[in-house]
Amino acid sequence: MGYASAVLILLTACTSQTIVTDDSNGGSGKVDTADTADTGSPPRDLDADGYPAGEDCMDLNADVHPGATEVFNGLDDDCDGIFDADGSWSGMADVEATAVYEGTPYAYALFCPVTGVRTTLQFTWTLACTPDADDALAQRLLGETLSATPVNDAVEQASWTGEVLVASTNGWDTDAQGSVAWSTLSAASLEFSLSAASLSLSAEASLTRK
């Protein structure tokens, strides 16, 4: 009838096309599929901060993206996986203690390590002092180890304030009042003090994030 012997059937979809050929003179009838997906669309950037969703850890907040400045707000501002000042902290504390024995006060100056771990909502820390092992009276009044830990470790962005439990390996403990203030994401200051009939104590420490 004047027609070519091959019949071409073209099926078109939005992302691919399938071509089926049927050769009545013994062709293979091969099916060929070619991907024609449109890859020209820009990646999604819902908050229009210049960082696509695959890189931006919070694509609904233009202030949060890689390279942003991390601040105390409970968010991972720069998308590095670290919130606020989270991490391990350490420093050394100057501790002044006055213990009373048989009506006589004895003063001690101690230099004690402080270690801690901060998460977005908590800062757990410990101060541990070891009085002079050769000073029998210091061992008797302060103990082999004098430690301090927070009673409540909840933090509020750049500060913590609360009770501190001061305890001795001699078997006694007492409460103190303390605070931690973060001046930057990598520097903080810690202090606490107590005043009791038989023991007065004050401690100050500069802490840095490891």
N, C-alpha and C. Protein backbone atom coordinates (compact mmCIF):
# COMPACT_ATOMS: atom_id res chain seq x y z
N MET A 1 0.83 -1.21 0.00
CA MET A 1 0.00 0.00 0.00
C MET A 1 0.86 1.25 0.00
N GLY A 2 2.14 1.13 -0.26
CA GLY A 2 3.01 2.29 -0.27
C GLY A 2 3.55 2.65 1.09
N TYR A 3 3.21 1.83 2.07
CA TYR A 3 3.70 2.08 3.43
C TYR A 3 5.03 1.38 3.63
N ALA A 4 5.87 1.92 4.49
CA ALA A 4 7.07 1.20 4.92
C ALA A 4 6.65 -0.01 5.72
N SER A 5 7.43 -1.05 5.66
CA SER A 5 7.04 -2.29 6.33
C SER A 5 7.18 -2.21 7.84
N ALA A 6 7.89 -1.19 8.31
CA ALA A 6 8.06 -1.07 9.77
C ALA A 6 7.05 -0.10 10.34
N VAL A 7 6.46 -0.46 11.45
CA VAL A 7 5.50 0.39 12.15
C VAL A 7 6.17 0.89 13.43
N LEU A 8 6.19 2.20 13.56
CA LEU A 8 6.84 2.81 14.73
C LEU A 8 5.78 3.29 15.70
N ILE A 9 5.85 2.77 16.93
CA ILE A 9 4.92 3.19 17.98
C ILE A 9 5.71 3.98 19.02
N LEU A 10 5.34 5.20 19.24
CA LEU A 10 6.05 6.07 20.20
C LEU A 10 5.17 6.33 21.40
N LEU A 11 5.64 5.88 22.56
CA LEU A 11 4.93 6.14 23.83
C LEU A 11 5.76 7.13 24.61
N THR A 12 5.15 8.25 24.97
CA THR A 12 5.89 9.30 25.67
C THR A 12 5.33 9.50 27.06
N ALA A 13 6.21 9.49 28.11
CA ALA A 13 5.85 9.81 29.49
C ALA A 13 6.56 11.10 29.87
N CYS A 14 6.26 11.64 31.08
CA CYS A 14 6.84 12.92 31.48
C CYS A 14 8.33 12.83 31.73
N THR A 15 8.83 11.65 32.10
CA THR A 15 10.24 11.54 32.42
C THR A 15 10.98 10.54 31.53
N SER A 16 10.28 9.75 30.70
CA SER A 16 10.99 8.79 29.86
C SER A 16 10.17 8.51 28.62
N GLN A 17 10.82 7.97 27.58
CA GLN A 17 10.11 7.58 26.39
C GLN A 17 10.49 6.15 26.03
N THR A 18 9.51 5.39 25.51
CA THR A 18 9.74 4.01 25.12
C THR A 18 9.46 3.87 23.64
N ILE A 19 10.39 3.33 22.91
CA ILE A 19 10.23 3.14 21.47
C ILE A 19 10.15 1.64 21.19
N VAL A 20 9.05 1.22 20.52
CA VAL A 20 8.87 -0.18 20.15
C VAL A 20 8.85 -0.27 18.64
N THR A 21 9.68 -1.09 18.09
CA THR A 21 9.70 -1.28 16.63
C THR A 21 9.28 -2.69 16.30
N ASP A 22 8.47 -2.84 15.25
CA ASP A 22 8.02 -4.15 14.82
C ASP A 22 8.28 -4.26 13.33
N ASP A 23 9.21 -5.06 12.96
CA ASP A 23 9.58 -5.24 11.55
C ASP A 23 8.93 -6.51 11.05
N SER A 24 7.93 -6.34 10.17
CA SER A 24 7.21 -7.51 9.66
C SER A 24 8.06 -8.38 8.75
N ASN A 25 9.22 -7.87 8.35
CA ASN A 25 10.11 -8.65 7.49
C ASN A 25 11.21 -9.33 8.30
N GLY A 26 10.93 -9.58 9.60
CA GLY A 26 11.90 -10.34 10.40
C GLY A 26 12.72 -9.53 11.34
N GLY A 27 12.28 -8.30 11.65
CA GLY A 27 13.02 -7.47 12.60
C GLY A 27 13.01 -8.05 13.99
N SER A 28 13.79 -7.48 14.88
CA SER A 28 13.93 -8.04 16.22
C SER A 28 12.79 -7.66 17.14
N GLY A 29 12.04 -6.59 16.80
CA GLY A 29 11.00 -6.13 17.72
C GLY A 29 11.58 -5.61 19.02
N LYS A 30 12.76 -4.98 18.97
CA LYS A 30 13.48 -4.56 20.17
C LYS A 30 12.80 -3.38 20.86
N VAL A 31 12.80 -3.38 22.19
CA VAL A 31 12.26 -2.29 23.00
C VAL A 31 13.42 -1.47 23.53
N ASP A 32 13.37 -0.15 23.37
CA ASP A 32 14.45 0.74 23.81
C ASP A 32 13.86 1.82 24.71
N THR A 33 14.39 1.95 25.92
CA THR A 33 13.92 2.96 26.88
C THR A 33 15.02 3.97 27.12
N ALA A 34 14.71 5.26 26.99
CA ALA A 34 15.69 6.32 27.20
C ALA A 34 15.18 7.27 28.27
N ASP A 35 16.03 7.63 29.22
CA ASP A 35 15.65 8.54 30.30
C ASP A 35 15.73 9.97 29.80
N THR A 36 14.60 10.66 29.89
CA THR A 36 14.57 12.06 29.45
C THR A 36 14.17 12.98 30.59
N ALA A 37 14.54 12.58 31.84
CA ALA A 37 14.17 13.39 33.01
C ALA A 37 14.74 14.79 32.90
N ASP A 38 13.98 15.76 33.34
CA ASP A 38 14.41 17.14 33.31
C ASP A 38 15.26 17.43 34.53
N THR A 39 16.56 17.64 34.32
CA THR A 39 17.47 17.90 35.44
C THR A 39 17.85 19.37 35.53
N GLY A 40 17.13 20.23 34.86
CA GLY A 40 17.47 21.64 34.86
C GLY A 40 16.90 22.43 36.01
N SER A 41 16.05 21.81 36.88
CA SER A 41 15.44 22.55 37.98
C SER A 41 16.46 22.79 39.09
N PRO A 42 16.50 23.99 39.68
CA PRO A 42 17.45 24.26 40.77
C PRO A 42 17.07 23.47 42.02
N PRO A 43 18.06 23.12 42.88
CA PRO A 43 17.76 22.39 44.12
C PRO A 43 16.87 23.23 45.03
N ARG A 44 16.12 22.58 45.87
CA ARG A 44 15.18 23.26 46.76
C ARG A 44 15.90 24.09 47.81
N ASP A 45 15.47 25.32 48.01
CA ASP A 45 16.00 26.21 49.04
C ASP A 45 14.82 27.01 49.59
N LEU A 46 14.08 26.40 50.51
CA LEU A 46 12.83 26.98 50.97
C LEU A 46 13.00 28.31 51.70
N ASP A 47 14.12 28.47 52.44
CA ASP A 47 14.30 29.72 53.18
C ASP A 47 15.13 30.75 52.42
N ALA A 48 15.50 30.43 51.18
CA ALA A 48 16.18 31.38 50.28
C ALA A 48 17.44 31.98 50.90
N ASP A 49 18.21 31.13 51.63
CA ASP A 49 19.46 31.63 52.21
C ASP A 49 20.67 31.27 51.37
N GLY A 50 20.44 30.68 50.21
CA GLY A 50 21.55 30.34 49.32
C GLY A 50 22.11 28.95 49.51
N TYR A 51 21.53 28.19 50.44
CA TYR A 51 22.01 26.83 50.70
C TYR A 51 20.87 25.85 50.46
N PRO A 52 21.05 24.89 49.57
CA PRO A 52 19.98 23.94 49.27
C PRO A 52 19.71 23.00 50.43
N ALA A 53 18.56 22.36 50.39
CA ALA A 53 18.12 21.52 51.50
C ALA A 53 19.12 20.43 51.84
N GLY A 54 19.84 19.91 50.87
CA GLY A 54 20.81 18.86 51.16
C GLY A 54 21.97 19.31 52.01
N GLU A 55 22.28 20.61 51.98
CA GLU A 55 23.37 21.18 52.77
C GLU A 55 22.86 21.90 54.00
N ASP A 56 21.69 22.49 53.90
CA ASP A 56 21.10 23.29 54.97
C ASP A 56 20.38 22.36 55.95
N CYS A 57 20.82 22.35 57.23
CA CYS A 57 20.23 21.45 58.21
C CYS A 57 18.88 21.93 58.73
N MET A 58 18.50 23.17 58.42
CA MET A 58 17.18 23.69 58.79
C MET A 58 16.72 24.63 57.68
N ASP A 59 16.10 24.05 56.65
CA ASP A 59 15.80 24.81 55.45
C ASP A 59 14.54 25.66 55.57
N LEU A 60 14.09 25.90 56.79
CA LEU A 60 12.97 26.81 57.02
C LEU A 60 13.39 27.99 57.88
N ASN A 61 14.71 28.14 58.09
CA ASN A 61 15.24 29.23 58.90
C ASN A 61 16.46 29.79 58.18
N ALA A 62 16.34 30.99 57.65
CA ALA A 62 17.43 31.57 56.86
C ALA A 62 18.66 31.89 57.68
N ASP A 63 18.55 31.94 59.01
CA ASP A 63 19.70 32.23 59.87
C ASP A 63 20.53 30.98 60.15
N VAL A 64 20.01 29.82 59.78
CA VAL A 64 20.70 28.55 60.02
C VAL A 64 21.18 27.99 58.69
N HIS A 65 22.49 27.83 58.56
CA HIS A 65 23.08 27.27 57.33
C HIS A 65 24.57 27.09 57.56
N PRO A 66 25.26 26.31 56.74
CA PRO A 66 26.70 26.17 56.88
C PRO A 66 27.41 27.52 56.83
N GLY A 67 28.33 27.73 57.78
CA GLY A 67 29.07 28.98 57.83
C GLY A 67 28.44 30.07 58.66
N ALA A 68 27.22 29.85 59.16
CA ALA A 68 26.58 30.85 60.02
C ALA A 68 27.29 30.93 61.36
N THR A 69 27.05 32.00 62.10
CA THR A 69 27.66 32.17 63.42
C THR A 69 26.84 31.41 64.46
N GLU A 70 27.50 30.53 65.20
CA GLU A 70 26.82 29.77 66.25
C GLU A 70 26.59 30.68 67.45
N VAL A 71 25.37 30.71 67.96
CA VAL A 71 25.02 31.51 69.13
C VAL A 71 24.22 30.64 70.09
N PHE A 72 24.01 31.14 71.30
CA PHE A 72 23.26 30.39 72.30
C PHE A 72 21.76 30.54 72.05
N ASN A 73 21.18 29.57 71.35
CA ASN A 73 19.75 29.62 71.06
C ASN A 73 19.12 28.24 70.95
N GLY A 74 19.88 27.18 71.28
CA GLY A 74 19.34 25.83 71.20
C GLY A 74 19.32 25.26 69.80
N LEU A 75 19.92 25.97 68.81
CA LEU A 75 19.95 25.52 67.43
C LEU A 75 21.39 25.24 66.99
N ASP A 76 21.51 24.40 65.97
CA ASP A 76 22.81 24.16 65.35
C ASP A 76 22.96 25.16 64.21
N ASP A 77 23.32 26.41 64.54
CA ASP A 77 23.28 27.50 63.57
C ASP A 77 24.15 27.26 62.34
N ASP A 78 25.34 26.66 62.53
CA ASP A 78 26.25 26.48 61.40
C ASP A 78 26.23 25.07 60.82
N CYS A 79 25.27 24.24 61.25
CA CYS A 79 25.06 22.91 60.68
C CYS A 79 26.30 22.01 60.80
N ASP A 80 27.05 22.14 61.91
CA ASP A 80 28.21 21.28 62.09
C ASP A 80 27.93 20.13 63.06
N GLY A 81 26.67 19.98 63.47
CA GLY A 81 26.30 18.89 64.37
C GLY A 81 26.45 19.22 65.84
N ILE A 82 26.91 20.44 66.17
CA ILE A 82 27.12 20.84 67.57
C ILE A 82 26.17 21.99 67.90
N PHE A 83 25.43 21.84 68.98
CA PHE A 83 24.47 22.86 69.41
C PHE A 83 25.10 23.73 70.50
N ASP A 84 25.00 25.03 70.35
CA ASP A 84 25.49 25.98 71.35
C ASP A 84 26.93 25.63 71.75
N ALA A 85 27.18 25.44 73.06
CA ALA A 85 28.54 25.16 73.54
C ALA A 85 28.69 23.70 73.95
N ASP A 86 27.98 22.81 73.28
CA ASP A 86 28.05 21.39 73.62
C ASP A 86 29.48 20.86 73.49
N GLY A 87 29.84 19.94 74.38
CA GLY A 87 31.15 19.32 74.31
C GLY A 87 31.76 19.12 75.68
N SER A 88 33.03 18.73 75.67
CA SER A 88 33.77 18.49 76.92
C SER A 88 34.49 19.76 77.35
N TRP A 89 34.44 20.02 78.65
CA TRP A 89 35.03 21.23 79.22
C TRP A 89 36.00 20.87 80.34
N SER A 90 37.00 21.71 80.54
CA SER A 90 37.95 21.45 81.63
C SER A 90 38.64 22.75 82.04
N GLY A 91 39.24 22.71 83.21
CA GLY A 91 39.98 23.86 83.72
C GLY A 91 40.51 23.56 85.12
N MET A 92 41.14 24.55 85.72
CA MET A 92 41.68 24.41 87.07
C MET A 92 41.04 25.48 87.96
N ALA A 93 40.71 25.09 89.18
CA ALA A 93 40.03 25.99 90.11
C ALA A 93 40.96 26.36 91.27
N ASP A 94 40.93 27.64 91.61
CA ASP A 94 41.58 28.10 92.84
C ASP A 94 40.56 27.97 93.96
N VAL A 95 40.89 27.16 94.96
CA VAL A 95 39.97 26.89 96.06
C VAL A 95 40.60 27.37 97.36
N GLU A 96 39.88 28.20 98.07
CA GLU A 96 40.30 28.67 99.39
C GLU A 96 39.36 28.06 100.43
N ALA A 97 39.93 27.32 101.38
CA ALA A 97 39.12 26.65 102.40
C ALA A 97 39.62 27.01 103.79
N THR A 98 38.67 27.22 104.70
CA THR A 98 38.99 27.44 106.10
C THR A 98 38.18 26.44 106.92
N ALA A 99 38.89 25.54 107.57
CA ALA A 99 38.24 24.53 108.40
C ALA A 99 38.58 24.79 109.86
N VAL A 100 37.61 24.57 110.74
CA VAL A 100 37.79 24.84 112.16
C VAL A 100 37.94 23.52 112.91
N TYR A 101 38.98 23.45 113.72
CA TYR A 101 39.22 22.25 114.52
C TYR A 101 39.51 22.65 115.95
N GLU A 102 38.66 22.20 116.86
CA GLU A 102 38.78 22.51 118.28
C GLU A 102 38.89 24.02 118.50
N GLY A 103 38.03 24.74 117.76
CA GLY A 103 37.95 26.19 117.93
C GLY A 103 39.00 26.99 117.18
N THR A 104 39.91 26.31 116.54
CA THR A 104 40.98 27.01 115.81
C THR A 104 40.78 26.86 114.30
N PRO A 105 40.73 27.98 113.54
CA PRO A 105 40.58 27.88 112.08
C PRO A 105 41.92 27.59 111.40
N TYR A 106 41.86 26.77 110.39
CA TYR A 106 43.03 26.43 109.59
C TYR A 106 42.70 26.73 108.12
N ALA A 107 43.57 27.47 107.44
CA ALA A 107 43.32 27.89 106.06
C ALA A 107 44.13 27.03 105.09
N TYR A 108 43.50 26.70 103.96
CA TYR A 108 44.15 25.88 102.94
C TYR A 108 43.89 26.48 101.56
N ALA A 109 44.92 26.52 100.75
CA ALA A 109 44.81 26.96 99.36
C ALA A 109 45.04 25.73 98.47
N LEU A 110 44.06 25.43 97.64
CA LEU A 110 44.12 24.24 96.80
C LEU A 110 43.97 24.62 95.33
N PHE A 111 44.57 23.85 94.46
CA PHE A 111 44.47 24.04 93.02
C PHE A 111 43.89 22.75 92.46
N CYS A 112 42.64 22.79 92.00
CA CYS A 112 41.88 21.57 91.75
C CYS A 112 41.35 21.50 90.33
N PRO A 113 41.45 20.34 89.67
CA PRO A 113 40.92 20.20 88.32
C PRO A 113 39.39 20.14 88.29
N VAL A 114 38.84 20.72 87.22
CA VAL A 114 37.39 20.68 86.97
C VAL A 114 37.18 20.08 85.59
N THR A 115 36.30 19.12 85.49
CA THR A 115 35.94 18.54 84.19
C THR A 115 34.42 18.54 84.06
N GLY A 116 33.94 18.66 82.85
CA GLY A 116 32.50 18.68 82.66
C GLY A 116 32.11 18.37 81.22
N VAL A 117 30.84 18.06 81.04
CA VAL A 117 30.29 17.82 79.70
C VAL A 117 29.01 18.62 79.58
N ARG A 118 28.93 19.42 78.53
CA ARG A 118 27.73 20.20 78.29
C ARG A 118 26.96 19.64 77.09
N THR A 119 25.65 19.51 77.27
CA THR A 119 24.73 19.31 76.16
C THR A 119 23.86 20.56 76.10
N THR A 120 22.96 20.62 75.14
CA THR A 120 22.19 21.84 74.95
C THR A 120 21.45 22.27 76.21
N LEU A 121 20.97 21.30 76.99
CA LEU A 121 20.14 21.62 78.15
C LEU A 121 20.79 21.28 79.49
N GLN A 122 21.99 20.71 79.48
CA GLN A 122 22.62 20.27 80.73
C GLN A 122 24.11 20.57 80.73
N PHE A 123 24.64 20.81 81.93
CA PHE A 123 26.08 20.90 82.12
C PHE A 123 26.43 20.14 83.39
N THR A 124 27.01 18.97 83.20
CA THR A 124 27.41 18.12 84.32
C THR A 124 28.90 18.29 84.55
N TRP A 125 29.28 18.70 85.75
CA TRP A 125 30.69 18.94 86.01
C TRP A 125 31.09 18.42 87.39
N THR A 126 32.39 18.23 87.57
CA THR A 126 32.94 17.75 88.84
C THR A 126 34.25 18.46 89.13
N LEU A 127 34.37 18.95 90.34
CA LEU A 127 35.64 19.47 90.85
C LEU A 127 36.17 18.47 91.88
N ALA A 128 37.46 18.15 91.79
CA ALA A 128 38.04 17.18 92.72
C ALA A 128 39.36 17.71 93.27
N CYS A 129 39.40 17.94 94.58
CA CYS A 129 40.60 18.43 95.25
C CYS A 129 41.25 17.29 96.04
N THR A 130 42.57 17.28 96.04
CA THR A 130 43.30 16.29 96.84
C THR A 130 44.24 17.05 97.80
N PRO A 131 43.80 17.29 99.03
CA PRO A 131 44.65 17.96 100.02
C PRO A 131 45.97 17.22 100.22
N ASP A 132 46.95 17.94 100.70
CA ASP A 132 48.29 17.39 100.92
C ASP A 132 48.23 16.09 101.72
N ALA A 133 48.70 15.02 101.10
CA ALA A 133 48.66 13.71 101.76
C ALA A 133 49.58 13.66 102.98
N ASP A 134 50.57 14.55 103.03
CA ASP A 134 51.50 14.57 104.16
C ASP A 134 51.04 15.47 105.30
N ASP A 135 49.91 16.17 105.08
CA ASP A 135 49.37 17.05 106.11
C ASP A 135 48.24 16.31 106.83
N ALA A 136 48.53 15.76 107.95
CA ALA A 136 47.56 14.93 108.68
C ALA A 136 46.31 15.72 109.05
N LEU A 137 46.49 17.00 109.42
CA LEU A 137 45.34 17.80 109.82
C LEU A 137 44.45 18.11 108.61
N ALA A 138 45.08 18.40 107.46
CA ALA A 138 44.29 18.64 106.24
C ALA A 138 43.51 17.39 105.85
N GLN A 139 44.13 16.24 105.98
CA GLN A 139 43.45 14.99 105.69
C GLN A 139 42.28 14.77 106.65
N ARG A 140 42.47 15.17 107.88
CA ARG A 140 41.41 14.98 108.88
C ARG A 140 40.25 15.96 108.66
N LEU A 141 40.57 17.20 108.29
CA LEU A 141 39.53 18.21 108.15
C LEU A 141 38.84 18.18 106.79
N LEU A 142 39.61 17.97 105.73
CA LEU A 142 39.06 18.03 104.37
C LEU A 142 38.87 16.67 103.72
N GLY A 143 39.64 15.71 104.19
CA GLY A 143 39.54 14.37 103.62
C GLY A 143 40.60 14.10 102.57
N GLU A 144 40.71 12.87 102.17
CA GLU A 144 41.66 12.50 101.12
C GLU A 144 41.28 13.16 99.80
N THR A 145 39.96 13.27 99.57
CA THR A 145 39.45 13.96 98.37
C THR A 145 38.26 14.82 98.77
N LEU A 146 38.27 16.05 98.29
CA LEU A 146 37.15 16.97 98.48
C LEU A 146 36.57 17.26 97.10
N SER A 147 35.28 16.96 96.91
CA SER A 147 34.69 17.10 95.58
C SER A 147 33.48 18.04 95.60
N ALA A 148 33.13 18.53 94.41
CA ALA A 148 31.96 19.39 94.26
C ALA A 148 31.27 19.03 92.95
N THR A 149 29.95 18.90 92.99
CA THR A 149 29.15 18.59 91.81
C THR A 149 27.84 19.38 91.88
N PRO A 150 27.23 19.72 90.74
CA PRO A 150 25.97 20.45 90.78
C PRO A 150 24.83 19.53 91.21
N VAL A 151 23.90 20.07 91.99
CA VAL A 151 22.72 19.31 92.39
C VAL A 151 21.74 19.21 91.23
N ASN A 152 21.58 20.30 90.50
CA ASN A 152 20.73 20.35 89.31
C ASN A 152 21.59 20.86 88.16
N ASP A 153 21.70 20.07 87.08
CA ASP A 153 22.64 20.42 86.02
C ASP A 153 21.98 21.09 84.81
N ALA A 154 20.74 21.57 84.96
CA ALA A 154 20.05 22.22 83.84
C ALA A 154 20.66 23.59 83.56
N VAL A 155 20.95 23.87 82.28
CA VAL A 155 21.49 25.16 81.89
C VAL A 155 20.45 25.94 81.10
N GLU A 156 20.62 27.25 81.08
CA GLU A 156 19.75 28.12 80.29
C GLU A 156 20.63 28.92 79.35
N GLN A 157 20.83 28.36 78.15
CA GLN A 157 21.66 28.97 77.12
C GLN A 157 23.06 29.30 77.64
N ALA A 158 23.35 30.53 78.05
CA ALA A 158 24.73 30.90 78.39
C ALA A 158 24.99 30.96 79.89
N SER A 159 24.17 30.31 80.70
CA SER A 159 24.41 30.38 82.15
C SER A 159 23.82 29.17 82.88
N TRP A 160 24.40 28.92 84.03
CA TRP A 160 23.86 27.94 84.97
C TRP A 160 23.99 28.53 86.36
N THR A 161 22.97 28.37 87.18
CA THR A 161 22.99 28.82 88.57
C THR A 161 22.26 27.78 89.40
N GLY A 162 22.84 27.43 90.56
CA GLY A 162 22.16 26.45 91.39
C GLY A 162 22.98 26.00 92.58
N GLU A 163 22.52 24.93 93.20
CA GLU A 163 23.20 24.38 94.37
C GLU A 163 24.33 23.45 93.95
N VAL A 164 25.35 23.45 94.77
CA VAL A 164 26.52 22.59 94.57
C VAL A 164 26.67 21.71 95.80
N LEU A 165 26.87 20.43 95.58
CA LEU A 165 27.10 19.51 96.69
C LEU A 165 28.61 19.35 96.89
N VAL A 166 29.09 19.79 98.05
CA VAL A 166 30.50 19.63 98.41
C VAL A 166 30.60 18.44 99.35
N ALA A 167 31.43 17.47 99.00
CA ALA A 167 31.50 16.23 99.78
C ALA A 167 32.95 15.83 100.02
N SER A 168 33.19 15.19 101.17
CA SER A 168 34.51 14.71 101.54
C SER A 168 34.50 13.19 101.65
N THR A 169 35.62 12.60 101.32
CA THR A 169 35.75 11.16 101.50
C THR A 169 35.75 10.79 102.98
N ASN A 170 35.78 11.78 103.87
CA ASN A 170 35.65 11.51 105.31
C ASN A 170 34.22 11.19 105.71
N GLY A 171 33.28 11.36 104.76
CA GLY A 171 31.90 10.97 105.04
C GLY A 171 30.93 12.11 105.26
N TRP A 172 31.35 13.36 105.12
CA TRP A 172 30.43 14.47 105.31
C TRP A 172 30.20 15.19 103.97
N ASP A 173 29.10 15.92 103.89
CA ASP A 173 28.82 16.76 102.72
C ASP A 173 27.99 17.96 103.15
N THR A 174 28.00 19.00 102.33
CA THR A 174 27.24 20.22 102.61
C THR A 174 26.94 20.93 101.30
N ASP A 175 25.94 21.81 101.32
CA ASP A 175 25.53 22.51 100.10
C ASP A 175 26.23 23.86 99.98
N ALA A 176 26.51 24.23 98.73
CA ALA A 176 27.06 25.54 98.40
C ALA A 176 26.21 26.14 97.28
N GLN A 177 26.43 27.39 96.98
CA GLN A 177 25.76 28.06 95.88
C GLN A 177 26.78 28.37 94.79
N GLY A 178 26.42 28.07 93.54
CA GLY A 178 27.39 28.27 92.48
C GLY A 178 26.77 28.77 91.19
N SER A 179 27.64 29.09 90.23
CA SER A 179 27.18 29.55 88.93
C SER A 179 28.26 29.27 87.88
N VAL A 180 27.80 29.18 86.63
CA VAL A 180 28.69 29.08 85.48
C VAL A 180 28.18 30.07 84.45
N ALA A 181 29.09 30.86 83.89
CA ALA A 181 28.72 31.84 82.86
C ALA A 181 29.60 31.64 81.65
N TRP A 182 28.98 31.49 80.48
CA TRP A 182 29.72 31.32 79.22
C TRP A 182 29.90 32.69 78.57
N SER A 183 31.14 33.13 78.42
CA SER A 183 31.42 34.39 77.74
C SER A 183 31.47 34.19 76.23
N THR A 184 31.88 33.00 75.80
CA THR A 184 31.88 32.62 74.39
C THR A 184 31.49 31.15 74.31
N LEU A 185 31.46 30.62 73.10
CA LEU A 185 31.16 29.20 72.93
C LEU A 185 32.30 28.30 73.38
N SER A 186 33.47 28.88 73.65
CA SER A 186 34.62 28.07 74.05
C SER A 186 35.25 28.50 75.37
N ALA A 187 34.62 29.44 76.08
CA ALA A 187 35.18 29.91 77.36
C ALA A 187 34.05 30.16 78.35
N ALA A 188 34.30 29.73 79.60
CA ALA A 188 33.31 29.91 80.66
C ALA A 188 34.02 30.10 81.99
N SER A 189 33.31 30.68 82.94
CA SER A 189 33.84 30.85 84.29
C SER A 189 32.91 30.17 85.29
N LEU A 190 33.49 29.49 86.25
CA LEU A 190 32.73 28.77 87.28
C LEU A 190 33.13 29.30 88.64
N GLU A 191 32.14 29.41 89.53
CA GLU A 191 32.44 29.79 90.90
C GLU A 191 31.37 29.25 91.84
N PHE A 192 31.76 28.98 93.06
CA PHE A 192 30.81 28.61 94.10
C PHE A 192 31.43 28.88 95.46
N SER A 193 30.57 28.96 96.47
CA SER A 193 31.06 29.25 97.82
C SER A 193 30.08 28.70 98.84
N LEU A 194 30.61 28.47 100.02
CA LEU A 194 29.78 28.05 101.16
C LEU A 194 30.36 28.64 102.43
N SER A 195 29.50 28.84 103.39
CA SER A 195 29.93 29.34 104.68
C SER A 195 29.16 28.60 105.76
N ALA A 196 29.87 27.80 106.54
CA ALA A 196 29.26 27.04 107.63
C ALA A 196 30.10 27.23 108.89
N ALA A 197 29.60 26.70 109.98
CA ALA A 197 30.27 26.91 111.26
C ALA A 197 31.68 26.33 111.26
N SER A 198 31.86 25.18 110.63
CA SER A 198 33.16 24.51 110.68
C SER A 198 33.92 24.56 109.38
N LEU A 199 33.29 25.09 108.30
CA LEU A 199 33.97 25.12 107.01
C LEU A 199 33.47 26.30 106.18
N SER A 200 34.41 27.08 105.69
CA SER A 200 34.12 28.11 104.70
C SER A 200 34.96 27.79 103.46
N LEU A 201 34.34 27.97 102.29
CA LEU A 201 35.05 27.57 101.08
C LEU A 201 34.61 28.44 99.91
N SER A 202 35.54 28.81 99.07
CA SER A 202 35.22 29.52 97.83
C SER A 202 36.08 28.95 96.70
N ALA A 203 35.51 28.89 95.52
CA ALA A 203 36.23 28.32 94.37
C ALA A 203 35.95 29.15 93.12
N GLU A 204 36.97 29.35 92.30
CA GLU A 204 36.84 30.04 91.04
C GLU A 204 37.65 29.30 89.99
N ALA A 205 37.08 29.15 88.78
CA ALA A 205 37.77 28.42 87.73
C ALA A 205 37.45 29.01 86.37
N SER A 206 38.43 29.00 85.48
CA SER A 206 38.21 29.33 84.08
C SER A 206 38.17 28.03 83.29
N LEU A 207 37.14 27.84 82.49
CA LEU A 207 36.94 26.60 81.76
C LEU A 207 37.04 26.86 80.26
N THR A 208 37.56 25.88 79.55
CA THR A 208 37.62 25.96 78.10
C THR A 208 37.07 24.66 77.51
N ARG A 209 36.54 24.77 76.29
CA ARG A 209 36.01 23.59 75.62
C ARG A 209 37.13 22.90 74.87
N LYS A 210 37.19 21.59 75.01
CA LYS A 210 38.23 20.81 74.34
C LYS A 210 37.95 20.72 72.84
